[in-house]
Amino acid sequence: VSTQSTGYQRRVREINKEFMFEAITSIQDGSKEKQRKFLETVELQIALKNYDPARDKRFTGTVKLRHVPKKSFKVCIIGDERHLDEAKTLGYDCKSAEDLKKLNKNKKLVKKLAKGYDAFMASDGLIKQIPRILGPGLNKAGKFPTSLSHAESMEDKVENRQANHQVPDEEKYCAFPLPSVMFPWKLTS
């Protein structure tokens, strides 16, 4: 396959399906021989040839995965009364603005809050108040809340957030990095 880009042709190679399935099957067979006491996962890393991250434009963004890679993904809903009631019925952890004010911008407590959850979602009306209430702690941790409106389904929004994987923008990976858990071993091909 070739693509036309900025006046010259670049060749894009496709991964041979048979080779990929053979490799995954051999890994699964090895996994069955020696049982481990943790959830085994597959990681995917993509590198682009002739790409210099110091010189060329950097990649950022998110990739939506078909399967949710982390079943124990913890989400905290920061919301108004309506969102808090909905979160409680769906079984999600939730906090009100009053609960956040009790932290008094204490850096250790905000950091502990950020470590306790994989993602945060906040009501549209509260999202602007969060930096004033908590300080920069959630933003520094890379877990600033996603906006949540009353028109959207909370359950769909949380599932969508769980399936999305953020592409890290780091120079230590020499190209288009995507080192992450793609799917747990217990899924079948």
N, C-alpha and C. Protein backbone atom coordinates (compact mmCIF):
# COMPACT_ATOMS: atom_id res chain seq x y z
N VAL A 1 0.86 -1.17 0.00
CA VAL A 1 0.00 0.00 0.00
C VAL A 1 0.90 1.22 0.00
N SER A 2 0.58 2.22 -0.78
CA SER A 2 1.37 3.46 -0.76
C SER A 2 0.43 4.64 -0.62
N THR A 3 0.90 5.70 0.00
CA THR A 3 0.10 6.90 0.18
C THR A 3 0.86 8.10 -0.35
N GLN A 4 0.15 9.08 -0.88
CA GLN A 4 0.75 10.30 -1.40
C GLN A 4 0.79 11.32 -0.27
N SER A 5 1.98 11.86 0.05
CA SER A 5 2.09 12.82 1.14
C SER A 5 3.18 13.83 0.83
N THR A 6 2.82 15.08 0.86
CA THR A 6 3.72 16.23 0.63
C THR A 6 4.66 16.03 -0.56
N GLY A 7 4.14 15.61 -1.67
CA GLY A 7 4.90 15.55 -2.90
C GLY A 7 5.74 14.31 -3.10
N TYR A 8 5.88 13.45 -2.15
CA TYR A 8 6.64 12.22 -2.33
C TYR A 8 5.83 11.03 -1.85
N GLN A 9 6.22 9.85 -2.32
CA GLN A 9 5.48 8.64 -1.95
C GLN A 9 6.13 7.98 -0.76
N ARG A 10 5.31 7.57 0.18
CA ARG A 10 5.78 6.78 1.31
C ARG A 10 5.14 5.41 1.22
N ARG A 11 5.89 4.41 1.57
CA ARG A 11 5.35 3.06 1.56
C ARG A 11 4.89 2.69 2.98
N VAL A 12 3.70 2.13 3.04
CA VAL A 12 3.15 1.69 4.31
C VAL A 12 3.02 0.18 4.23
N ARG A 13 3.64 -0.51 5.17
CA ARG A 13 3.57 -1.96 5.17
C ARG A 13 2.43 -2.43 6.05
N GLU A 14 1.73 -3.45 5.58
CA GLU A 14 0.67 -4.04 6.38
C GLU A 14 1.23 -5.23 7.14
N ILE A 15 0.64 -5.50 8.27
CA ILE A 15 1.05 -6.65 9.07
C ILE A 15 0.37 -7.89 8.50
N ASN A 16 1.13 -8.92 8.30
CA ASN A 16 0.61 -10.18 7.79
C ASN A 16 -0.26 -10.81 8.88
N LYS A 17 -1.55 -11.04 8.57
CA LYS A 17 -2.50 -11.58 9.55
C LYS A 17 -2.09 -12.95 10.06
N GLU A 18 -1.67 -13.84 9.15
CA GLU A 18 -1.31 -15.19 9.56
C GLU A 18 -0.13 -15.16 10.53
N PHE A 19 0.86 -14.32 10.23
CA PHE A 19 2.03 -14.21 11.10
C PHE A 19 1.62 -13.69 12.48
N MET A 20 0.73 -12.70 12.51
CA MET A 20 0.29 -12.11 13.77
C MET A 20 -0.49 -13.14 14.61
N PHE A 21 -1.43 -13.87 13.97
CA PHE A 21 -2.21 -14.87 14.70
C PHE A 21 -1.32 -16.02 15.19
N GLU A 22 -0.32 -16.39 14.38
CA GLU A 22 0.61 -17.44 14.79
C GLU A 22 1.41 -16.99 16.02
N ALA A 23 1.86 -15.75 16.02
CA ALA A 23 2.62 -15.22 17.16
C ALA A 23 1.76 -15.15 18.41
N ILE A 24 0.52 -14.69 18.29
CA ILE A 24 -0.37 -14.60 19.44
C ILE A 24 -0.72 -15.98 19.96
N THR A 25 -0.93 -16.94 19.07
CA THR A 25 -1.23 -18.31 19.48
C THR A 25 -0.06 -18.91 20.26
N SER A 26 1.16 -18.68 19.79
CA SER A 26 2.32 -19.22 20.50
C SER A 26 2.48 -18.57 21.87
N ILE A 27 2.16 -17.28 21.98
CA ILE A 27 2.22 -16.60 23.28
C ILE A 27 1.16 -17.17 24.21
N GLN A 28 -0.05 -17.40 23.68
CA GLN A 28 -1.12 -17.97 24.50
C GLN A 28 -0.77 -19.38 24.97
N ASP A 29 -0.17 -20.17 24.09
CA ASP A 29 0.23 -21.53 24.48
C ASP A 29 1.26 -21.49 25.60
N GLY A 30 2.23 -20.57 25.50
CA GLY A 30 3.23 -20.41 26.56
C GLY A 30 2.59 -19.96 27.85
N SER A 31 1.56 -19.15 27.74
CA SER A 31 0.85 -18.67 28.93
C SER A 31 0.09 -19.80 29.62
N LYS A 32 -0.45 -20.73 28.83
CA LYS A 32 -1.19 -21.84 29.41
C LYS A 32 -0.26 -22.84 30.10
N GLU A 33 0.97 -22.98 29.57
CA GLU A 33 1.94 -23.90 30.17
C GLU A 33 2.34 -23.45 31.57
N LYS A 34 2.58 -22.14 31.72
CA LYS A 34 3.01 -21.61 33.01
C LYS A 34 1.99 -20.57 33.47
N GLN A 35 1.10 -20.97 34.38
CA GLN A 35 0.07 -20.07 34.88
C GLN A 35 0.70 -19.00 35.78
N ARG A 36 0.26 -17.78 35.61
CA ARG A 36 0.76 -16.67 36.41
C ARG A 36 -0.35 -16.14 37.30
N LYS A 37 0.04 -15.43 38.35
CA LYS A 37 -0.93 -14.97 39.34
C LYS A 37 -1.38 -13.54 39.08
N PHE A 38 -1.27 -13.08 37.85
CA PHE A 38 -1.72 -11.75 37.49
C PHE A 38 -2.36 -11.81 36.11
N LEU A 39 -3.09 -10.78 35.75
CA LEU A 39 -3.77 -10.73 34.46
C LEU A 39 -2.76 -10.38 33.37
N GLU A 40 -2.52 -11.30 32.47
CA GLU A 40 -1.58 -11.06 31.38
C GLU A 40 -2.25 -10.22 30.30
N THR A 41 -1.47 -9.36 29.66
CA THR A 41 -2.01 -8.45 28.65
C THR A 41 -1.10 -8.41 27.44
N VAL A 42 -1.63 -7.86 26.35
CA VAL A 42 -0.85 -7.65 25.14
C VAL A 42 -0.65 -6.16 24.98
N GLU A 43 0.58 -5.76 24.68
CA GLU A 43 0.87 -4.36 24.45
C GLU A 43 1.23 -4.16 22.99
N LEU A 44 0.85 -3.02 22.47
CA LEU A 44 1.12 -2.70 21.07
C LEU A 44 1.96 -1.43 21.01
N GLN A 45 3.04 -1.48 20.25
CA GLN A 45 3.85 -0.29 20.06
C GLN A 45 4.12 -0.12 18.57
N ILE A 46 3.79 1.05 18.07
CA ILE A 46 3.94 1.34 16.64
C ILE A 46 5.05 2.37 16.48
N ALA A 47 5.96 2.14 15.54
CA ALA A 47 7.03 3.09 15.27
C ALA A 47 7.02 3.44 13.79
N LEU A 48 7.20 4.70 13.49
CA LEU A 48 7.26 5.15 12.11
C LEU A 48 8.71 5.29 11.67
N LYS A 49 9.02 4.80 10.48
CA LYS A 49 10.37 4.95 9.96
C LYS A 49 10.58 6.37 9.47
N ASN A 50 11.81 6.80 9.50
CA ASN A 50 12.21 8.14 9.01
C ASN A 50 11.41 9.25 9.67
N TYR A 51 11.16 9.11 10.97
CA TYR A 51 10.42 10.12 11.71
C TYR A 51 11.28 10.56 12.89
N ASP A 52 11.58 11.84 12.97
CA ASP A 52 12.39 12.40 14.04
C ASP A 52 11.50 13.26 14.93
N PRO A 53 11.20 12.85 16.16
CA PRO A 53 10.29 13.62 17.00
C PRO A 53 10.82 15.00 17.36
N ALA A 54 12.14 15.18 17.35
CA ALA A 54 12.70 16.49 17.65
C ALA A 54 12.47 17.48 16.50
N ARG A 55 12.41 16.97 15.28
CA ARG A 55 12.30 17.83 14.12
C ARG A 55 10.87 17.87 13.56
N ASP A 56 10.23 16.72 13.49
CA ASP A 56 8.89 16.63 12.90
C ASP A 56 7.81 16.95 13.93
N LYS A 57 6.61 17.14 13.44
CA LYS A 57 5.48 17.44 14.31
C LYS A 57 5.15 16.23 15.18
N ARG A 58 4.80 16.50 16.44
CA ARG A 58 4.53 15.44 17.39
C ARG A 58 3.09 14.94 17.25
N PHE A 59 2.86 13.69 17.66
CA PHE A 59 1.53 13.09 17.64
C PHE A 59 0.91 13.18 19.02
N THR A 60 -0.33 13.57 19.08
CA THR A 60 -1.10 13.50 20.33
C THR A 60 -2.52 13.09 19.96
N GLY A 61 -3.24 12.61 20.92
CA GLY A 61 -4.62 12.25 20.66
C GLY A 61 -5.02 11.00 21.40
N THR A 62 -6.18 10.47 21.04
CA THR A 62 -6.68 9.27 21.67
C THR A 62 -7.05 8.24 20.62
N VAL A 63 -6.99 6.99 21.02
CA VAL A 63 -7.35 5.87 20.16
C VAL A 63 -8.46 5.12 20.85
N LYS A 64 -9.55 4.86 20.15
CA LYS A 64 -10.65 4.10 20.73
C LYS A 64 -10.42 2.61 20.46
N LEU A 65 -10.37 1.84 21.53
CA LEU A 65 -10.14 0.41 21.42
C LEU A 65 -11.46 -0.35 21.40
N ARG A 66 -11.46 -1.48 20.74
CA ARG A 66 -12.68 -2.28 20.61
C ARG A 66 -13.09 -2.88 21.95
N HIS A 67 -12.10 -3.35 22.70
CA HIS A 67 -12.36 -3.96 24.00
C HIS A 67 -11.85 -3.04 25.09
N VAL A 68 -12.52 -3.01 26.22
CA VAL A 68 -12.06 -2.23 27.36
C VAL A 68 -10.85 -2.95 27.94
N PRO A 69 -9.66 -2.32 27.93
CA PRO A 69 -8.46 -3.02 28.35
C PRO A 69 -8.36 -3.24 29.85
N LYS A 70 -8.97 -2.38 30.65
CA LYS A 70 -8.83 -2.48 32.09
C LYS A 70 -10.21 -2.57 32.73
N LYS A 71 -10.56 -3.76 33.19
CA LYS A 71 -11.89 -3.96 33.76
C LYS A 71 -12.05 -3.24 35.10
N SER A 72 -10.96 -3.04 35.83
CA SER A 72 -11.04 -2.39 37.13
C SER A 72 -10.85 -0.88 37.03
N PHE A 73 -11.20 -0.30 35.90
CA PHE A 73 -11.07 1.13 35.63
C PHE A 73 -12.00 1.90 36.57
N LYS A 74 -11.42 2.72 37.46
CA LYS A 74 -12.23 3.44 38.45
C LYS A 74 -12.48 4.87 37.99
N VAL A 75 -13.74 5.25 37.99
CA VAL A 75 -14.15 6.60 37.58
C VAL A 75 -14.83 7.27 38.76
N CYS A 76 -14.51 8.53 38.97
CA CYS A 76 -15.15 9.32 40.02
C CYS A 76 -15.96 10.42 39.34
N ILE A 77 -17.23 10.52 39.70
CA ILE A 77 -18.12 11.54 39.15
C ILE A 77 -18.17 12.71 40.13
N ILE A 78 -17.81 13.89 39.65
CA ILE A 78 -17.92 15.11 40.44
C ILE A 78 -19.10 15.86 39.85
N GLY A 79 -20.18 15.96 40.61
CA GLY A 79 -21.35 16.51 39.96
C GLY A 79 -22.32 17.22 40.87
N ASP A 80 -23.39 17.70 40.22
CA ASP A 80 -24.50 18.31 40.95
C ASP A 80 -25.39 17.18 41.46
N GLU A 81 -26.47 17.53 42.11
CA GLU A 81 -27.34 16.53 42.75
C GLU A 81 -27.87 15.49 41.75
N ARG A 82 -28.24 15.95 40.57
CA ARG A 82 -28.80 15.03 39.56
C ARG A 82 -27.75 14.01 39.11
N HIS A 83 -26.53 14.48 38.85
CA HIS A 83 -25.46 13.56 38.44
C HIS A 83 -25.05 12.64 39.60
N LEU A 84 -25.06 13.15 40.82
CA LEU A 84 -24.70 12.32 41.97
C LEU A 84 -25.70 11.18 42.16
N ASP A 85 -26.98 11.49 42.01
CA ASP A 85 -28.01 10.44 42.15
C ASP A 85 -27.86 9.38 41.06
N GLU A 86 -27.61 9.83 39.82
CA GLU A 86 -27.44 8.89 38.71
C GLU A 86 -26.20 8.03 38.91
N ALA A 87 -25.10 8.64 39.40
CA ALA A 87 -23.86 7.90 39.64
C ALA A 87 -24.05 6.85 40.73
N LYS A 88 -24.80 7.20 41.77
CA LYS A 88 -25.04 6.24 42.86
C LYS A 88 -25.87 5.05 42.38
N THR A 89 -26.86 5.31 41.51
CA THR A 89 -27.68 4.20 41.00
C THR A 89 -26.88 3.30 40.07
N LEU A 90 -25.90 3.89 39.34
CA LEU A 90 -25.07 3.09 38.42
C LEU A 90 -23.88 2.43 39.14
N GLY A 91 -23.64 2.83 40.39
CA GLY A 91 -22.56 2.21 41.16
C GLY A 91 -21.20 2.86 41.01
N TYR A 92 -21.15 4.10 40.54
CA TYR A 92 -19.88 4.82 40.40
C TYR A 92 -19.62 5.63 41.67
N ASP A 93 -18.34 5.80 42.00
CA ASP A 93 -17.98 6.69 43.10
C ASP A 93 -18.32 8.11 42.69
N CYS A 94 -18.77 8.91 43.64
CA CYS A 94 -19.13 10.29 43.30
C CYS A 94 -18.81 11.23 44.45
N LYS A 95 -18.55 12.47 44.09
CA LYS A 95 -18.25 13.52 45.07
C LYS A 95 -18.94 14.80 44.64
N SER A 96 -19.38 15.56 45.63
CA SER A 96 -19.99 16.86 45.34
C SER A 96 -18.93 17.95 45.51
N ALA A 97 -19.30 19.18 45.16
CA ALA A 97 -18.39 20.31 45.32
C ALA A 97 -18.06 20.51 46.80
N GLU A 98 -19.02 20.23 47.65
CA GLU A 98 -18.79 20.37 49.10
C GLU A 98 -17.74 19.37 49.58
N ASP A 99 -17.78 18.15 49.06
CA ASP A 99 -16.77 17.15 49.43
C ASP A 99 -15.37 17.60 49.01
N LEU A 100 -15.27 18.23 47.84
CA LEU A 100 -13.98 18.71 47.36
C LEU A 100 -13.48 19.89 48.18
N LYS A 101 -14.38 20.73 48.63
CA LYS A 101 -13.98 21.89 49.45
C LYS A 101 -13.38 21.46 50.78
N LYS A 102 -13.76 20.28 51.27
CA LYS A 102 -13.21 19.77 52.53
C LYS A 102 -11.72 19.46 52.41
N LEU A 103 -11.22 19.29 51.18
CA LEU A 103 -9.80 19.01 50.98
C LEU A 103 -8.93 20.25 51.18
N ASN A 104 -9.53 21.45 51.16
CA ASN A 104 -8.85 22.73 51.40
C ASN A 104 -7.60 22.94 50.55
N LYS A 105 -7.60 22.50 49.31
CA LYS A 105 -6.46 22.62 48.40
C LYS A 105 -5.19 21.98 48.96
N ASN A 106 -5.36 21.03 49.88
CA ASN A 106 -4.23 20.32 50.45
C ASN A 106 -3.61 19.43 49.37
N LYS A 107 -2.35 19.70 49.03
CA LYS A 107 -1.71 19.01 47.91
C LYS A 107 -1.66 17.50 48.13
N LYS A 108 -1.38 17.07 49.35
CA LYS A 108 -1.29 15.63 49.61
C LYS A 108 -2.65 14.95 49.44
N LEU A 109 -3.70 15.59 49.93
CA LEU A 109 -5.03 14.99 49.81
C LEU A 109 -5.51 14.97 48.36
N VAL A 110 -5.21 16.03 47.60
CA VAL A 110 -5.61 16.07 46.19
C VAL A 110 -4.84 15.01 45.41
N LYS A 111 -3.56 14.86 45.72
CA LYS A 111 -2.74 13.84 45.05
C LYS A 111 -3.27 12.43 45.37
N LYS A 112 -3.67 12.22 46.62
CA LYS A 112 -4.24 10.93 47.03
C LYS A 112 -5.55 10.67 46.29
N LEU A 113 -6.36 11.71 46.14
CA LEU A 113 -7.61 11.60 45.38
C LEU A 113 -7.33 11.22 43.93
N ALA A 114 -6.35 11.88 43.33
CA ALA A 114 -5.99 11.61 41.93
C ALA A 114 -5.47 10.19 41.75
N LYS A 115 -4.70 9.69 42.71
CA LYS A 115 -4.17 8.34 42.61
C LYS A 115 -5.25 7.28 42.77
N GLY A 116 -6.32 7.61 43.47
CA GLY A 116 -7.37 6.65 43.75
C GLY A 116 -8.27 6.31 42.57
N TYR A 117 -8.22 7.12 41.52
CA TYR A 117 -9.11 6.92 40.36
C TYR A 117 -8.32 6.99 39.06
N ASP A 118 -8.82 6.28 38.06
CA ASP A 118 -8.20 6.32 36.74
C ASP A 118 -8.67 7.52 35.93
N ALA A 119 -9.89 7.98 36.19
CA ALA A 119 -10.45 9.12 35.45
C ALA A 119 -11.49 9.83 36.29
N PHE A 120 -11.72 11.07 35.95
CA PHE A 120 -12.74 11.88 36.61
C PHE A 120 -13.68 12.44 35.56
N MET A 121 -14.95 12.59 35.93
CA MET A 121 -15.93 13.25 35.08
C MET A 121 -16.67 14.25 35.95
N ALA A 122 -16.94 15.42 35.37
CA ALA A 122 -17.59 16.47 36.16
C ALA A 122 -18.73 17.09 35.38
N SER A 123 -19.75 17.54 36.12
CA SER A 123 -20.88 18.25 35.52
C SER A 123 -20.39 19.52 34.84
N ASP A 124 -21.09 19.91 33.77
CA ASP A 124 -20.71 21.11 33.03
C ASP A 124 -20.58 22.33 33.93
N GLY A 125 -21.51 22.49 34.86
CA GLY A 125 -21.51 23.66 35.72
C GLY A 125 -20.37 23.67 36.72
N LEU A 126 -19.87 22.50 37.11
CA LEU A 126 -18.81 22.42 38.12
C LEU A 126 -17.41 22.41 37.54
N ILE A 127 -17.27 22.06 36.27
CA ILE A 127 -15.93 21.84 35.71
C ILE A 127 -15.07 23.11 35.77
N LYS A 128 -15.69 24.28 35.67
CA LYS A 128 -14.93 25.53 35.73
C LYS A 128 -14.50 25.85 37.16
N GLN A 129 -15.20 25.32 38.15
CA GLN A 129 -14.90 25.61 39.55
C GLN A 129 -13.81 24.69 40.13
N ILE A 130 -13.56 23.57 39.50
CA ILE A 130 -12.64 22.57 40.05
C ILE A 130 -11.23 23.11 40.27
N PRO A 131 -10.62 23.86 39.33
CA PRO A 131 -9.28 24.40 39.62
C PRO A 131 -9.28 25.35 40.82
N ARG A 132 -10.36 26.10 41.01
CA ARG A 132 -10.44 27.01 42.17
C ARG A 132 -10.61 26.23 43.46
N ILE A 133 -11.34 25.12 43.42
CA ILE A 133 -11.61 24.34 44.63
C ILE A 133 -10.40 23.48 45.02
N LEU A 134 -9.81 22.78 44.04
CA LEU A 134 -8.74 21.82 44.33
C LEU A 134 -7.34 22.33 44.05
N GLY A 135 -7.20 23.36 43.24
CA GLY A 135 -5.88 23.79 42.81
C GLY A 135 -5.46 22.98 41.58
N PRO A 136 -4.17 23.01 41.24
CA PRO A 136 -3.71 22.36 40.01
C PRO A 136 -3.42 20.87 40.13
N GLY A 137 -3.76 20.24 41.25
CA GLY A 137 -3.40 18.83 41.50
C GLY A 137 -3.88 17.84 40.48
N LEU A 138 -5.16 17.90 40.09
CA LEU A 138 -5.68 16.94 39.10
C LEU A 138 -5.05 17.17 37.73
N ASN A 139 -4.83 18.44 37.39
CA ASN A 139 -4.24 18.75 36.10
C ASN A 139 -2.80 18.25 36.03
N LYS A 140 -2.05 18.41 37.11
CA LYS A 140 -0.66 17.92 37.15
C LYS A 140 -0.60 16.40 37.03
N ALA A 141 -1.60 15.74 37.60
CA ALA A 141 -1.66 14.27 37.54
C ALA A 141 -2.15 13.78 36.18
N GLY A 142 -2.58 14.70 35.30
CA GLY A 142 -3.08 14.32 33.99
C GLY A 142 -4.48 13.73 34.04
N LYS A 143 -5.23 14.09 35.07
CA LYS A 143 -6.56 13.52 35.26
C LYS A 143 -7.62 14.60 35.40
N PHE A 144 -7.49 15.68 34.64
CA PHE A 144 -8.50 16.72 34.72
C PHE A 144 -9.82 16.13 34.23
N PRO A 145 -10.94 16.45 34.89
CA PRO A 145 -12.21 15.80 34.56
C PRO A 145 -12.71 16.05 33.14
N THR A 146 -13.36 15.04 32.60
CA THR A 146 -14.06 15.15 31.33
C THR A 146 -15.43 15.76 31.60
N SER A 147 -15.88 16.59 30.68
CA SER A 147 -17.16 17.26 30.84
C SER A 147 -18.32 16.26 30.71
N LEU A 148 -19.33 16.44 31.55
CA LEU A 148 -20.48 15.55 31.57
C LEU A 148 -21.75 16.40 31.60
N SER A 149 -22.57 16.29 30.56
CA SER A 149 -23.80 17.09 30.52
C SER A 149 -25.01 16.20 30.84
N HIS A 150 -26.13 16.84 31.11
CA HIS A 150 -27.34 16.09 31.46
C HIS A 150 -27.98 15.46 30.22
N ALA A 151 -27.65 15.95 29.03
CA ALA A 151 -28.22 15.41 27.80
C ALA A 151 -27.61 14.06 27.43
N GLU A 152 -26.39 13.78 27.92
CA GLU A 152 -25.69 12.55 27.58
C GLU A 152 -25.98 11.45 28.60
N SER A 153 -25.85 10.22 28.16
CA SER A 153 -25.98 9.08 29.06
C SER A 153 -24.66 8.92 29.81
N MET A 154 -24.73 8.90 31.13
CA MET A 154 -23.51 8.77 31.94
C MET A 154 -22.84 7.43 31.70
N GLU A 155 -23.63 6.38 31.59
CA GLU A 155 -23.07 5.04 31.41
C GLU A 155 -22.31 4.94 30.08
N ASP A 156 -22.88 5.50 29.00
CA ASP A 156 -22.20 5.48 27.70
C ASP A 156 -20.92 6.30 27.74
N LYS A 157 -20.97 7.43 28.41
CA LYS A 157 -19.80 8.31 28.50
C LYS A 157 -18.67 7.63 29.27
N VAL A 158 -19.00 6.92 30.34
CA VAL A 158 -17.99 6.22 31.13
C VAL A 158 -17.40 5.06 30.31
N GLU A 159 -18.24 4.29 29.63
CA GLU A 159 -17.75 3.19 28.79
C GLU A 159 -16.86 3.70 27.67
N ASN A 160 -17.23 4.83 27.08
CA ASN A 160 -16.42 5.44 26.03
C ASN A 160 -15.06 5.87 26.58
N ARG A 161 -15.04 6.42 27.78
CA ARG A 161 -13.80 6.85 28.41
C ARG A 161 -12.92 5.65 28.73
N GLN A 162 -13.52 4.55 29.13
CA GLN A 162 -12.76 3.34 29.44
C GLN A 162 -12.11 2.76 28.20
N ALA A 163 -12.78 2.84 27.05
CA ALA A 163 -12.27 2.25 25.81
C ALA A 163 -11.26 3.15 25.11
N ASN A 164 -11.21 4.43 25.46
CA ASN A 164 -10.26 5.34 24.83
C ASN A 164 -8.91 5.25 25.51
N HIS A 165 -7.87 5.25 24.69
CA HIS A 165 -6.50 5.23 25.21
C HIS A 165 -5.77 6.45 24.70
N GLN A 166 -5.15 7.19 25.60
CA GLN A 166 -4.44 8.40 25.20
C GLN A 166 -3.05 8.04 24.70
N VAL A 167 -2.68 8.58 23.54
CA VAL A 167 -1.36 8.36 22.98
C VAL A 167 -0.39 9.28 23.70
N PRO A 168 0.63 8.73 24.38
CA PRO A 168 1.56 9.59 25.11
C PRO A 168 2.42 10.41 24.17
N ASP A 169 2.72 11.63 24.57
CA ASP A 169 3.55 12.53 23.76
C ASP A 169 4.90 12.65 24.45
N GLU A 170 5.73 11.61 24.29
CA GLU A 170 7.01 11.60 24.97
C GLU A 170 8.12 11.39 23.97
N GLU A 171 9.24 12.07 24.22
CA GLU A 171 10.36 11.97 23.29
C GLU A 171 11.15 10.69 23.47
N LYS A 172 11.01 10.02 24.62
CA LYS A 172 11.80 8.81 24.82
C LYS A 172 11.38 7.70 23.87
N TYR A 173 10.14 7.75 23.36
CA TYR A 173 9.73 6.83 22.31
C TYR A 173 10.09 7.52 21.01
N CYS A 174 10.77 6.83 20.14
CA CYS A 174 11.34 7.52 18.99
C CYS A 174 10.32 7.82 17.89
N ALA A 175 9.11 7.41 18.01
CA ALA A 175 8.18 7.68 16.93
C ALA A 175 6.77 7.79 17.46
N PHE A 176 5.85 7.11 16.80
CA PHE A 176 4.44 7.16 17.19
C PHE A 176 4.23 6.11 18.26
N PRO A 177 4.26 6.51 19.52
CA PRO A 177 4.22 5.50 20.57
C PRO A 177 2.80 5.11 20.92
N LEU A 178 2.61 3.85 21.17
CA LEU A 178 1.33 3.38 21.68
C LEU A 178 1.59 2.19 22.60
N PRO A 179 2.50 2.37 23.57
CA PRO A 179 2.72 1.24 24.47
C PRO A 179 1.61 1.22 25.50
N SER A 180 0.73 0.28 25.42
CA SER A 180 -0.34 0.22 26.40
C SER A 180 -1.01 -1.13 26.35
N VAL A 181 -1.82 -1.36 27.32
CA VAL A 181 -2.58 -2.61 27.38
C VAL A 181 -3.65 -2.56 26.30
N MET A 182 -3.59 -3.47 25.36
CA MET A 182 -4.57 -3.49 24.28
C MET A 182 -5.74 -4.38 24.61
N PHE A 183 -5.49 -5.56 25.14
CA PHE A 183 -6.59 -6.40 25.59
C PHE A 183 -6.04 -7.44 26.56
N PRO A 184 -6.86 -7.83 27.54
CA PRO A 184 -6.42 -8.87 28.46
C PRO A 184 -6.43 -10.22 27.79
N TRP A 185 -5.61 -11.13 28.27
CA TRP A 185 -5.47 -12.46 27.67
C TRP A 185 -6.76 -13.24 27.70
N LYS A 186 -7.62 -13.01 28.66
CA LYS A 186 -8.81 -13.85 28.80
C LYS A 186 -9.78 -13.67 27.64
N LEU A 187 -9.59 -12.62 26.83
CA LEU A 187 -10.44 -12.45 25.65
C LEU A 187 -10.01 -13.47 24.60
N THR A 188 -10.95 -13.93 23.81
CA THR A 188 -10.62 -14.87 22.75
C THR A 188 -10.42 -14.11 21.45
N SER A 189 -9.76 -14.71 20.51
CA SER A 189 -9.50 -14.05 19.23
C SER A 189 -10.78 -13.90 18.47
